[in-house]
Amino acid sequence: MALGWLVSVALFLSIAVMVANQLANDKVILPRTSVAGVDISNMDKEEAKKRLTMAFAASPNLVQIVYRGQVLADTQTLMKKYNYDWAVETAWGLGRSGNPLTKIRERATMFFSTRSVDLPLEVDADSIEGIIGRVAVKVNQEGVPAKIRVTEANEVK
């Protein structure tokens, strides 16, 4: 009899916590959610988009191709665009989409650890091909035969 009451109370408390969590986070992205390492927990969708835009504008992804000490190409000229809308919508859906058991599992997982969403990057394929072509001209060159000389003292030069 006491075990039945204990199970009933535990079940009631679990449901009460889930309902309170749903009501508290109804208009914001759930806690412990990040997009590409940027925390967007407890923000609405517009705030999250602004936060991501500022974060990636402040630290752009700059890649240089260096060959024998010379910079052959960099990504500043590359036409790239981050898809913030998709990432924020995906983050918003965590713990909200799917059947009730999926929602419970996702929210329980998010209670203990951070869920991260990848940020899609769209690039211009023609720009990438142009960079590869410029680099290939410099790097892919005909080999030069080695000139090995042996001196009278049997030293290789």
C-alpha atoms as a PDB file:
ATOM      1  CA  MET A   1       0.000   0.000   0.000  1.00  0.00           C
ATOM      2  CA  ALA A   2       2.764   2.455   0.922  1.00  0.00           C
ATOM      3  CA  LEU A   3       4.610   1.614  -2.301  1.00  0.00           C
ATOM      4  CA  GLY A   4       1.524   2.510  -4.349  1.00  0.00           C
ATOM      5  CA  TRP A   5       1.319   5.917  -2.657  1.00  0.00           C
ATOM      6  CA  LEU A   6       5.013   6.514  -3.228  1.00  0.00           C
ATOM      7  CA  VAL A   7       4.724   5.705  -6.926  1.00  0.00           C
ATOM      8  CA  SER A   8       1.629   7.920  -7.238  1.00  0.00           C
ATOM      9  CA  VAL A   9       3.358  10.865  -5.558  1.00  0.00           C
ATOM     10  CA  ALA A  10       6.498  10.432  -7.711  1.00  0.00           C
ATOM     11  CA  LEU A  11       4.379  10.292 -10.868  1.00  0.00           C
ATOM     12  CA  PHE A  12       2.368  13.356  -9.817  1.00  0.00           C
ATOM     13  CA  LEU A  13       5.548  15.330  -9.043  1.00  0.00           C
ATOM     14  CA  SER A  14       7.103  14.345 -12.368  1.00  0.00           C
ATOM     15  CA  ILE A  15       4.041  15.519 -14.274  1.00  0.00           C
ATOM     16  CA  ALA A  16       3.906  18.745 -12.240  1.00  0.00           C
ATOM     17  CA  VAL A  17       7.562  19.491 -13.041  1.00  0.00           C
ATOM     18  CA  MET A  18       6.986  18.815 -16.752  1.00  0.00           C
ATOM     19  CA  VAL A  19       3.912  21.085 -16.879  1.00  0.00           C
ATOM     20  CA  ALA A  20       5.727  23.856 -14.958  1.00  0.00           C
ATOM     21  CA  ASN A  21       8.704  23.571 -17.331  1.00  0.00           C
ATOM     22  CA  GLN A  22       6.374  23.803 -20.342  1.00  0.00           C
ATOM     23  CA  LEU A  23       4.624  26.893 -18.974  1.00  0.00           C
ATOM     24  CA  ALA A  24       7.867  28.607 -17.943  1.00  0.00           C
ATOM     25  CA  ASN A  25       9.518  28.067 -21.341  1.00  0.00           C
ATOM     26  CA  ASP A  26       6.463  28.473 -23.554  1.00  0.00           C
ATOM     27  CA  LYS A  27       7.721  31.537 -25.442  1.00  0.00           C
ATOM     28  CA  VAL A  28      11.482  30.944 -25.340  1.00  0.00           C
ATOM     29  CA  ILE A  29      14.018  28.384 -26.537  1.00  0.00           C
ATOM     30  CA  LEU A  30      14.540  25.727 -23.892  1.00  0.00           C
ATOM     31  CA  PRO A  31      17.481  25.991 -21.453  1.00  0.00           C
ATOM     32  CA  ARG A  32      20.815  24.352 -22.323  1.00  0.00           C
ATOM     33  CA  THR A  33      20.438  24.899 -26.076  1.00  0.00           C
ATOM     34  CA  SER A  34      23.227  26.194 -28.302  1.00  0.00           C
ATOM     35  CA  VAL A  35      23.842  26.722 -31.998  1.00  0.00           C
ATOM     36  CA  ALA A  36      27.422  26.097 -33.154  1.00  0.00           C
ATOM     37  CA  GLY A  37      28.695  26.761 -29.633  1.00  0.00           C
ATOM     38  CA  VAL A  38      26.683  29.975 -29.102  1.00  0.00           C
ATOM     39  CA  ASP A  39      24.255  29.718 -26.171  1.00  0.00           C
ATOM     40  CA  ILE A  40      20.736  30.783 -27.148  1.00  0.00           C
ATOM     41  CA  SER A  41      18.914  29.434 -24.094  1.00  0.00           C
ATOM     42  CA  ASN A  42      15.882  31.319 -22.782  1.00  0.00           C
ATOM     43  CA  MET A  43      15.654  33.621 -25.830  1.00  0.00           C
ATOM     44  CA  ASP A  44      12.789  34.075 -28.223  1.00  0.00           C
ATOM     45  CA  LYS A  45      13.405  33.403 -31.915  1.00  0.00           C
ATOM     46  CA  GLU A  46      14.229  37.002 -32.881  1.00  0.00           C
ATOM     47  CA  GLU A  47      16.670  37.466 -29.985  1.00  0.00           C
ATOM     48  CA  ALA A  48      18.386  34.197 -30.907  1.00  0.00           C
ATOM     49  CA  LYS A  49      18.813  35.265 -34.558  1.00  0.00           C
ATOM     50  CA  LYS A  50      20.296  38.597 -33.450  1.00  0.00           C
ATOM     51  CA  ARG A  51      22.654  36.838 -31.024  1.00  0.00           C
ATOM     52  CA  LEU A  52      23.882  34.446 -33.720  1.00  0.00           C
ATOM     53  CA  THR A  53      24.333  37.258 -36.249  1.00  0.00           C
ATOM     54  CA  MET A  54      26.394  39.280 -33.760  1.00  0.00           C
ATOM     55  CA  ALA A  55      28.447  36.284 -32.644  1.00  0.00           C
ATOM     56  CA  PHE A  56      29.460  35.254 -36.152  1.00  0.00           C
ATOM     57  CA  ALA A  57      30.019  38.817 -37.355  1.00  0.00           C
ATOM     58  CA  ALA A  58      32.386  39.406 -34.418  1.00  0.00           C
ATOM     59  CA  SER A  59      34.469  36.312 -35.154  1.00  0.00           C
ATOM     60  CA  PRO A  60      34.389  35.526 -38.865  1.00  0.00           C
ATOM     61  CA  ASN A  61      35.684  32.213 -40.123  1.00  0.00           C
ATOM     62  CA  LEU A  62      38.865  33.170 -41.987  1.00  0.00           C
ATOM     63  CA  VAL A  63      40.832  30.416 -43.679  1.00  0.00           C
ATOM     64  CA  GLN A  64      44.025  30.989 -45.642  1.00  0.00           C
ATOM     65  CA  ILE A  65      45.778  28.636 -48.009  1.00  0.00           C
ATOM     66  CA  VAL A  66      49.516  29.105 -47.532  1.00  0.00           C
ATOM     67  CA  TYR A  67      52.087  27.402 -49.753  1.00  0.00           C
ATOM     68  CA  ARG A  68      55.822  27.898 -49.155  1.00  0.00           C
ATOM     69  CA  GLY A  69      55.189  30.988 -47.044  1.00  0.00           C
ATOM     70  CA  GLN A  70      52.964  32.657 -49.640  1.00  0.00           C
ATOM     71  CA  VAL A  71      49.210  33.176 -49.137  1.00  0.00           C
ATOM     72  CA  LEU A  72      47.597  31.753 -52.253  1.00  0.00           C
ATOM     73  CA  ALA A  73      43.959  32.276 -51.280  1.00  0.00           C
ATOM     74  CA  ASP A  74      41.699  33.172 -48.381  1.00  0.00           C
ATOM     75  CA  THR A  75      38.005  32.887 -47.661  1.00  0.00           C
ATOM     76  CA  GLN A  76      37.303  36.621 -47.379  1.00  0.00           C
ATOM     77  CA  THR A  77      36.346  36.707 -51.045  1.00  0.00           C
ATOM     78  CA  LEU A  78      34.204  33.591 -50.684  1.00  0.00           C
ATOM     79  CA  MET A  79      30.476  34.275 -50.859  1.00  0.00           C
ATOM     80  CA  LYS A  80      29.149  32.596 -47.719  1.00  0.00           C
ATOM     81  CA  LYS A  81      25.858  32.835 -45.874  1.00  0.00           C
ATOM     82  CA  TYR A  82      24.808  31.286 -42.589  1.00  0.00           C
ATOM     83  CA  ASN A  83      21.266  29.911 -42.345  1.00  0.00           C
ATOM     84  CA  TYR A  84      20.263  31.386 -38.972  1.00  0.00           C
ATOM     85  CA  ASP A  85      16.528  30.867 -39.587  1.00  0.00           C
ATOM     86  CA  TRP A  86      16.869  27.092 -39.974  1.00  0.00           C
ATOM     87  CA  ALA A  87      19.165  26.786 -36.944  1.00  0.00           C
ATOM     88  CA  VAL A  88      16.846  28.797 -34.676  1.00  0.00           C
ATOM     89  CA  GLU A  89      13.762  26.880 -35.855  1.00  0.00           C
ATOM     90  CA  THR A  90      15.567  23.594 -35.179  1.00  0.00           C
ATOM     91  CA  ALA A  91      16.630  24.780 -31.719  1.00  0.00           C
ATOM     92  CA  TRP A  92      13.066  25.932 -31.019  1.00  0.00           C
ATOM     93  CA  GLY A  93      11.767  22.468 -31.937  1.00  0.00           C
ATOM     94  CA  LEU A  94      13.999  20.646 -29.448  1.00  0.00           C
ATOM     95  CA  GLY A  95      11.744  19.185 -26.766  1.00  0.00           C
ATOM     96  CA  ARG A  96       8.634  20.430 -28.571  1.00  0.00           C
ATOM     97  CA  SER A  97       8.295  18.201 -31.619  1.00  0.00           C
ATOM     98  CA  GLY A  98       7.410  14.552 -31.908  1.00  0.00           C
ATOM     99  CA  ASN A  99       5.197  12.341 -29.842  1.00  0.00           C
ATOM    100  CA  PRO A 100       4.845  12.854 -26.046  1.00  0.00           C
ATOM    101  CA  LEU A 101       7.475  10.224 -25.209  1.00  0.00           C
ATOM    102  CA  THR A 102       9.995  11.877 -27.547  1.00  0.00           C
ATOM    103  CA  LYS A 103       9.305  15.256 -25.945  1.00  0.00           C
ATOM    104  CA  ILE A 104       9.806  13.815 -22.467  1.00  0.00           C
ATOM    105  CA  ARG A 105      13.051  12.095 -23.489  1.00  0.00           C
ATOM    106  CA  GLU A 106      14.457  15.247 -25.141  1.00  0.00           C
ATOM    107  CA  ARG A 107      13.551  17.482 -22.210  1.00  0.00           C
ATOM    108  CA  ALA A 108      15.039  15.016 -19.739  1.00  0.00           C
ATOM    109  CA  THR A 109      18.245  14.898 -21.801  1.00  0.00           C
ATOM    110  CA  MET A 110      18.334  18.703 -21.962  1.00  0.00           C
ATOM    111  CA  PHE A 111      17.905  18.875 -18.184  1.00  0.00           C
ATOM    112  CA  PHE A 112      21.292  17.195 -17.713  1.00  0.00           C
ATOM    113  CA  SER A 113      23.314  18.254 -20.774  1.00  0.00           C
ATOM    114  CA  THR A 114      23.436  20.907 -23.476  1.00  0.00           C
ATOM    115  CA  ARG A 115      21.889  20.139 -26.857  1.00  0.00           C
ATOM    116  CA  SER A 116      23.728  21.709 -29.757  1.00  0.00           C
ATOM    117  CA  VAL A 117      22.404  22.476 -33.223  1.00  0.00           C
ATOM    118  CA  ASP A 118      24.743  22.796 -36.199  1.00  0.00           C
ATOM    119  CA  LEU A 119      24.702  26.033 -38.175  1.00  0.00           C
ATOM    120  CA  PRO A 120      24.365  25.372 -41.907  1.00  0.00           C
ATOM    121  CA  LEU A 121      26.724  27.312 -44.145  1.00  0.00           C
ATOM    122  CA  GLU A 122      25.817  28.058 -47.723  1.00  0.00           C
ATOM    123  CA  VAL A 123      28.714  28.896 -50.059  1.00  0.00           C
ATOM    124  CA  ASP A 124      28.986  29.827 -53.700  1.00  0.00           C
ATOM    125  CA  ALA A 125      30.312  26.753 -55.527  1.00  0.00           C
ATOM    126  CA  ASP A 126      31.800  28.887 -58.320  1.00  0.00           C
ATOM    127  CA  SER A 127      33.876  30.840 -55.774  1.00  0.00           C
ATOM    128  CA  ILE A 128      35.239  27.618 -54.304  1.00  0.00           C
ATOM    129  CA  GLU A 129      36.108  26.259 -57.735  1.00  0.00           C
ATOM    130  CA  GLY A 130      37.883  29.534 -58.522  1.00  0.00           C
ATOM    131  CA  ILE A 131      39.970  29.318 -55.340  1.00  0.00           C
ATOM    132  CA  ILE A 132      40.852  25.676 -56.047  1.00  0.00           C
ATOM    133  CA  GLY A 133      41.813  26.550 -59.620  1.00  0.00           C
ATOM    134  CA  ARG A 134      44.129  29.396 -58.519  1.00  0.00           C
ATOM    135  CA  VAL A 135      45.790  27.220 -55.903  1.00  0.00           C
ATOM    136  CA  ALA A 136      46.172  24.256 -58.293  1.00  0.00           C
ATOM    137  CA  VAL A 137      48.069  26.388 -60.813  1.00  0.00           C
ATOM    138  CA  LYS A 138      50.648  27.311 -58.153  1.00  0.00           C
ATOM    139  CA  VAL A 139      50.938  23.944 -56.439  1.00  0.00           C
ATOM    140  CA  ASN A 140      50.579  21.396 -59.255  1.00  0.00           C
ATOM    141  CA  GLN A 141      53.813  21.966 -61.119  1.00  0.00           C
ATOM    142  CA  GLU A 142      56.159  19.786 -63.088  1.00  0.00           C
ATOM    143  CA  GLY A 143      58.769  18.100 -60.917  1.00  0.00           C
ATOM    144  CA  VAL A 144      62.407  19.244 -61.124  1.00  0.00           C
ATOM    145  CA  PRO A 145      65.015  16.487 -61.397  1.00  0.00           C
ATOM    146  CA  ALA A 146      67.387  16.373 -58.458  1.00  0.00           C
ATOM    147  CA  LYS A 147      71.006  17.427 -58.970  1.00  0.00           C
ATOM    148  CA  ILE A 148      73.211  15.299 -56.773  1.00  0.00           C
ATOM    149  CA  ARG A 149      76.919  15.790 -56.827  1.00  0.00           C
ATOM    150  CA  VAL A 150      79.608  13.767 -55.043  1.00  0.00           C
ATOM    151  CA  THR A 151      82.819  15.614 -54.198  1.00  0.00           C
ATOM    152  CA  GLU A 152      86.316  14.123 -54.140  1.00  0.00           C
ATOM    153  CA  ALA A 153      85.957  13.716 -50.373  1.00  0.00           C
ATOM    154  CA  ASN A 154      82.856  11.513 -50.973  1.00  0.00           C
ATOM    155  CA  GLU A 155      80.463  14.197 -49.697  1.00  0.00           C
ATOM    156  CA  VAL A 156      77.016  14.404 -51.240  1.00  0.00           C
ATOM    157  CA  LYS A 157      75.969  17.927 -52.254  1.00  0.00           C
END
